[in-house]
Amino acid sequence: MHHLLTERLTDTYRQSPSLSRFFTSADILDFSVENATVTYHLQFGVPSEDDDFMKYMMSEELVLGIMRQSFHDKNISTCESLGLDPESLLLYE
């Protein structure tokens, strides 16, 4: 199951017109069937000198929106309540 989730995340961001050129990797860190929670790590290589890029292109809304759109496009109705813990989004330089 981890392999399929990692593949799905990788495909989602590699095919994104907005973020594909910056996407590096996706890794599943934790998976819980009991509470339908997945902890994952997405890595992007982004221009460090451009603060506007980080503010607008790497926003929480955009990164999650790309995943939601992918689920919607593939008619995966069980993911309608897909959410993101705001404290879980960490950006590293």
N, C-alpha and C. Protein backbone atom coordinates (compact mmCIF):
# COMPACT_ATOMS: atom_id res chain seq x y z
N MET A 1 0.82 -1.19 0.00
CA MET A 1 0.00 0.00 0.00
C MET A 1 0.87 1.27 0.00
N HIS A 2 1.96 1.27 0.77
CA HIS A 2 2.84 2.43 0.81
C HIS A 2 3.37 2.75 -0.58
N HIS A 3 3.77 1.71 -1.30
CA HIS A 3 4.31 1.91 -2.65
C HIS A 3 3.28 2.58 -3.57
N LEU A 4 2.03 2.15 -3.49
CA LEU A 4 0.98 2.73 -4.34
C LEU A 4 0.71 4.18 -3.97
N LEU A 5 0.71 4.49 -2.68
CA LEU A 5 0.50 5.89 -2.26
C LEU A 5 1.65 6.78 -2.70
N THR A 6 2.87 6.28 -2.55
CA THR A 6 4.03 7.04 -2.98
C THR A 6 3.97 7.28 -4.49
N GLU A 7 3.61 6.26 -5.23
CA GLU A 7 3.49 6.39 -6.68
C GLU A 7 2.41 7.40 -7.05
N ARG A 8 1.30 7.37 -6.34
CA ARG A 8 0.19 8.30 -6.61
C ARG A 8 0.62 9.75 -6.35
N LEU A 9 1.28 9.98 -5.21
CA LEU A 9 1.77 11.33 -4.91
C LEU A 9 2.77 11.80 -5.95
N THR A 10 3.70 10.91 -6.30
CA THR A 10 4.72 11.25 -7.29
C THR A 10 4.08 11.61 -8.62
N ASP A 11 3.15 10.80 -9.08
CA ASP A 11 2.48 11.07 -10.35
C ASP A 11 1.69 12.39 -10.31
N THR A 12 1.04 12.63 -9.19
CA THR A 12 0.24 13.85 -9.05
C THR A 12 1.08 15.09 -9.22
N TYR A 13 2.22 15.14 -8.55
CA TYR A 13 3.05 16.34 -8.61
C TYR A 13 3.94 16.40 -9.85
N ARG A 14 4.29 15.26 -10.41
CA ARG A 14 5.06 15.27 -11.67
C ARG A 14 4.21 15.74 -12.84
N GLN A 15 2.91 15.55 -12.73
CA GLN A 15 2.00 15.94 -13.82
C GLN A 15 1.40 17.34 -13.61
N SER A 16 1.72 17.97 -12.51
CA SER A 16 1.18 19.29 -12.20
C SER A 16 1.83 20.36 -13.07
N PRO A 17 1.04 21.10 -13.84
CA PRO A 17 1.62 22.18 -14.64
C PRO A 17 2.31 23.24 -13.77
N SER A 18 1.80 23.46 -12.57
CA SER A 18 2.34 24.49 -11.68
C SER A 18 3.64 24.09 -11.01
N LEU A 19 3.71 22.84 -10.54
CA LEU A 19 4.83 22.46 -9.68
C LEU A 19 5.73 21.36 -10.21
N SER A 20 5.42 20.79 -11.36
CA SER A 20 6.19 19.63 -11.86
C SER A 20 7.67 19.94 -12.03
N ARG A 21 8.02 21.12 -12.49
CA ARG A 21 9.44 21.42 -12.71
C ARG A 21 10.21 21.59 -11.41
N PHE A 22 9.51 21.75 -10.28
CA PHE A 22 10.16 21.91 -8.99
C PHE A 22 10.10 20.65 -8.13
N PHE A 23 9.22 19.71 -8.51
CA PHE A 23 9.01 18.51 -7.71
C PHE A 23 10.23 17.59 -7.77
N THR A 24 10.64 17.10 -6.59
CA THR A 24 11.80 16.22 -6.50
C THR A 24 11.40 14.81 -6.09
N SER A 25 10.63 14.69 -4.98
CA SER A 25 10.27 13.35 -4.51
C SER A 25 9.09 13.39 -3.54
N ALA A 26 8.50 12.21 -3.34
CA ALA A 26 7.44 12.01 -2.36
C ALA A 26 7.75 10.73 -1.59
N ASP A 27 7.58 10.79 -0.29
CA ASP A 27 7.81 9.62 0.56
C ASP A 27 6.70 9.51 1.59
N ILE A 28 6.20 8.31 1.81
CA ILE A 28 5.23 8.06 2.87
C ILE A 28 6.01 7.80 4.15
N LEU A 29 5.72 8.59 5.19
CA LEU A 29 6.40 8.43 6.47
C LEU A 29 5.60 7.59 7.44
N ASP A 30 4.27 7.70 7.37
CA ASP A 30 3.41 6.95 8.28
C ASP A 30 2.05 6.77 7.62
N PHE A 31 1.41 5.65 7.92
CA PHE A 31 0.12 5.33 7.33
C PHE A 31 -0.74 4.65 8.37
N SER A 32 -1.95 5.16 8.60
CA SER A 32 -2.86 4.57 9.58
C SER A 32 -4.20 4.29 8.92
N VAL A 33 -4.56 3.02 8.86
CA VAL A 33 -5.86 2.63 8.30
C VAL A 33 -6.97 3.00 9.27
N GLU A 34 -6.69 2.90 10.57
CA GLU A 34 -7.70 3.15 11.61
C GLU A 34 -8.32 4.54 11.52
N ASN A 35 -7.51 5.56 11.34
CA ASN A 35 -8.06 6.90 11.27
C ASN A 35 -7.84 7.56 9.91
N ALA A 36 -7.53 6.76 8.91
CA ALA A 36 -7.36 7.23 7.52
C ALA A 36 -6.41 8.42 7.44
N THR A 37 -5.24 8.26 8.04
CA THR A 37 -4.24 9.31 8.06
C THR A 37 -2.97 8.85 7.38
N VAL A 38 -2.44 9.71 6.54
CA VAL A 38 -1.17 9.45 5.88
C VAL A 38 -0.25 10.63 6.16
N THR A 39 0.93 10.33 6.62
CA THR A 39 1.95 11.37 6.80
C THR A 39 2.95 11.19 5.68
N TYR A 40 3.17 12.23 4.92
CA TYR A 40 4.07 12.12 3.78
C TYR A 40 4.99 13.33 3.72
N HIS A 41 6.04 13.15 2.99
CA HIS A 41 7.06 14.19 2.81
C HIS A 41 7.17 14.47 1.33
N LEU A 42 6.92 15.71 0.94
CA LEU A 42 7.10 16.13 -0.45
C LEU A 42 8.33 17.01 -0.50
N GLN A 43 9.15 16.79 -1.50
CA GLN A 43 10.35 17.61 -1.63
C GLN A 43 10.32 18.32 -2.98
N PHE A 44 10.58 19.64 -2.91
CA PHE A 44 10.62 20.48 -4.09
C PHE A 44 11.94 21.23 -4.09
N GLY A 45 12.51 21.41 -5.25
CA GLY A 45 13.70 22.26 -5.40
C GLY A 45 13.23 23.59 -5.93
N VAL A 46 13.29 24.61 -5.08
CA VAL A 46 12.74 25.92 -5.45
C VAL A 46 13.81 27.00 -5.36
N PRO A 47 13.60 28.09 -6.09
CA PRO A 47 14.55 29.20 -6.03
C PRO A 47 14.54 29.84 -4.63
N SER A 48 15.66 29.83 -3.95
CA SER A 48 15.71 30.33 -2.57
C SER A 48 15.67 31.85 -2.48
N GLU A 49 16.06 32.53 -3.53
CA GLU A 49 16.14 33.99 -3.46
C GLU A 49 14.81 34.69 -3.74
N ASP A 50 13.77 33.94 -4.07
CA ASP A 50 12.50 34.54 -4.47
C ASP A 50 11.43 34.33 -3.41
N ASP A 51 11.23 35.31 -2.54
CA ASP A 51 10.23 35.21 -1.47
C ASP A 51 8.81 35.12 -2.02
N ASP A 52 8.52 35.82 -3.12
CA ASP A 52 7.19 35.74 -3.71
C ASP A 52 6.88 34.34 -4.21
N PHE A 53 7.89 33.65 -4.71
CA PHE A 53 7.68 32.27 -5.17
C PHE A 53 7.18 31.42 -4.01
N MET A 54 7.83 31.51 -2.88
CA MET A 54 7.43 30.71 -1.72
C MET A 54 6.05 31.13 -1.22
N LYS A 55 5.76 32.39 -1.26
CA LYS A 55 4.47 32.89 -0.77
C LYS A 55 3.31 32.43 -1.66
N TYR A 56 3.49 32.46 -2.97
CA TYR A 56 2.39 32.17 -3.88
C TYR A 56 2.44 30.76 -4.49
N MET A 57 3.60 30.30 -4.90
CA MET A 57 3.69 29.00 -5.57
C MET A 57 3.73 27.82 -4.60
N MET A 58 4.30 28.01 -3.44
CA MET A 58 4.41 26.90 -2.50
C MET A 58 3.45 27.08 -1.33
N SER A 59 2.34 27.72 -1.58
CA SER A 59 1.35 27.92 -0.52
C SER A 59 0.68 26.60 -0.19
N GLU A 60 0.24 26.51 1.04
CA GLU A 60 -0.49 25.33 1.52
C GLU A 60 -1.69 25.05 0.62
N GLU A 61 -2.41 26.09 0.25
CA GLU A 61 -3.61 25.93 -0.56
C GLU A 61 -3.30 25.34 -1.94
N LEU A 62 -2.20 25.80 -2.54
CA LEU A 62 -1.84 25.30 -3.87
C LEU A 62 -1.38 23.84 -3.82
N VAL A 63 -0.51 23.52 -2.87
CA VAL A 63 0.02 22.16 -2.78
C VAL A 63 -1.11 21.17 -2.51
N LEU A 64 -2.01 21.48 -1.57
CA LEU A 64 -3.13 20.60 -1.28
C LEU A 64 -4.14 20.62 -2.42
N GLY A 65 -4.36 21.79 -3.03
CA GLY A 65 -5.31 21.90 -4.13
C GLY A 65 -4.94 21.02 -5.31
N ILE A 66 -3.65 20.89 -5.59
CA ILE A 66 -3.20 20.02 -6.68
C ILE A 66 -3.59 18.57 -6.39
N MET A 67 -3.43 18.16 -5.15
CA MET A 67 -3.82 16.79 -4.80
C MET A 67 -5.34 16.61 -4.86
N ARG A 68 -6.08 17.57 -4.34
CA ARG A 68 -7.54 17.48 -4.40
C ARG A 68 -8.03 17.41 -5.84
N GLN A 69 -7.45 18.23 -6.72
CA GLN A 69 -7.85 18.23 -8.12
C GLN A 69 -7.56 16.89 -8.76
N SER A 70 -6.44 16.29 -8.42
CA SER A 70 -6.10 14.98 -8.95
C SER A 70 -7.13 13.93 -8.54
N PHE A 71 -7.53 13.94 -7.28
CA PHE A 71 -8.54 12.99 -6.81
C PHE A 71 -9.87 13.25 -7.49
N HIS A 72 -10.23 14.52 -7.65
CA HIS A 72 -11.48 14.88 -8.31
C HIS A 72 -11.47 14.42 -9.78
N ASP A 73 -10.36 14.67 -10.47
CA ASP A 73 -10.26 14.29 -11.89
C ASP A 73 -10.38 12.79 -12.08
N LYS A 74 -9.97 12.03 -11.10
CA LYS A 74 -10.01 10.56 -11.20
C LYS A 74 -11.25 9.99 -10.51
N ASN A 75 -12.19 10.86 -10.12
CA ASN A 75 -13.45 10.47 -9.49
C ASN A 75 -13.26 9.59 -8.25
N ILE A 76 -12.36 9.99 -7.38
CA ILE A 76 -12.15 9.26 -6.13
C ILE A 76 -12.96 9.98 -5.06
N SER A 77 -14.22 9.57 -4.92
CA SER A 77 -15.15 10.29 -4.05
C SER A 77 -14.82 10.14 -2.57
N THR A 78 -14.12 9.10 -2.19
CA THR A 78 -13.81 8.90 -0.77
C THR A 78 -12.81 9.92 -0.25
N CYS A 79 -12.25 10.73 -1.12
CA CYS A 79 -11.25 11.72 -0.70
C CYS A 79 -11.81 13.13 -0.68
N GLU A 80 -13.12 13.27 -0.64
CA GLU A 80 -13.73 14.60 -0.63
C GLU A 80 -13.34 15.40 0.60
N SER A 81 -13.11 14.71 1.70
CA SER A 81 -12.78 15.41 2.95
C SER A 81 -11.27 15.49 3.17
N LEU A 82 -10.51 15.33 2.12
CA LEU A 82 -9.06 15.41 2.22
C LEU A 82 -8.67 16.71 2.89
N GLY A 83 -7.84 16.61 3.90
CA GLY A 83 -7.45 17.80 4.62
C GLY A 83 -5.98 17.81 4.92
N LEU A 84 -5.55 18.93 5.44
CA LEU A 84 -4.16 19.12 5.79
C LEU A 84 -4.11 19.76 7.16
N ASP A 85 -3.36 19.16 8.04
CA ASP A 85 -3.13 19.75 9.35
C ASP A 85 -2.24 20.96 9.13
N PRO A 86 -2.72 22.18 9.41
CA PRO A 86 -1.93 23.39 9.14
C PRO A 86 -0.56 23.37 9.81
N GLU A 87 -0.44 22.71 10.93
CA GLU A 87 0.84 22.65 11.63
C GLU A 87 1.80 21.66 11.00
N SER A 88 1.30 20.87 10.07
CA SER A 88 2.14 19.83 9.47
C SER A 88 2.95 20.32 8.27
N LEU A 89 2.60 21.47 7.73
CA LEU A 89 3.30 21.98 6.55
C LEU A 89 4.55 22.74 7.00
N LEU A 90 5.69 22.17 6.71
CA LEU A 90 6.95 22.76 7.10
C LEU A 90 7.78 23.01 5.85
N LEU A 91 8.34 24.18 5.74
CA LEU A 91 9.18 24.52 4.61
C LEU A 91 10.62 24.65 5.09
N TYR A 92 11.53 23.96 4.40
CA TYR A 92 12.95 23.99 4.76
C TYR A 92 13.75 24.59 3.63
N GLU A 93 14.80 25.25 3.98
CA GLU A 93 15.70 25.79 2.96
C GLU A 93 16.82 24.82 2.71
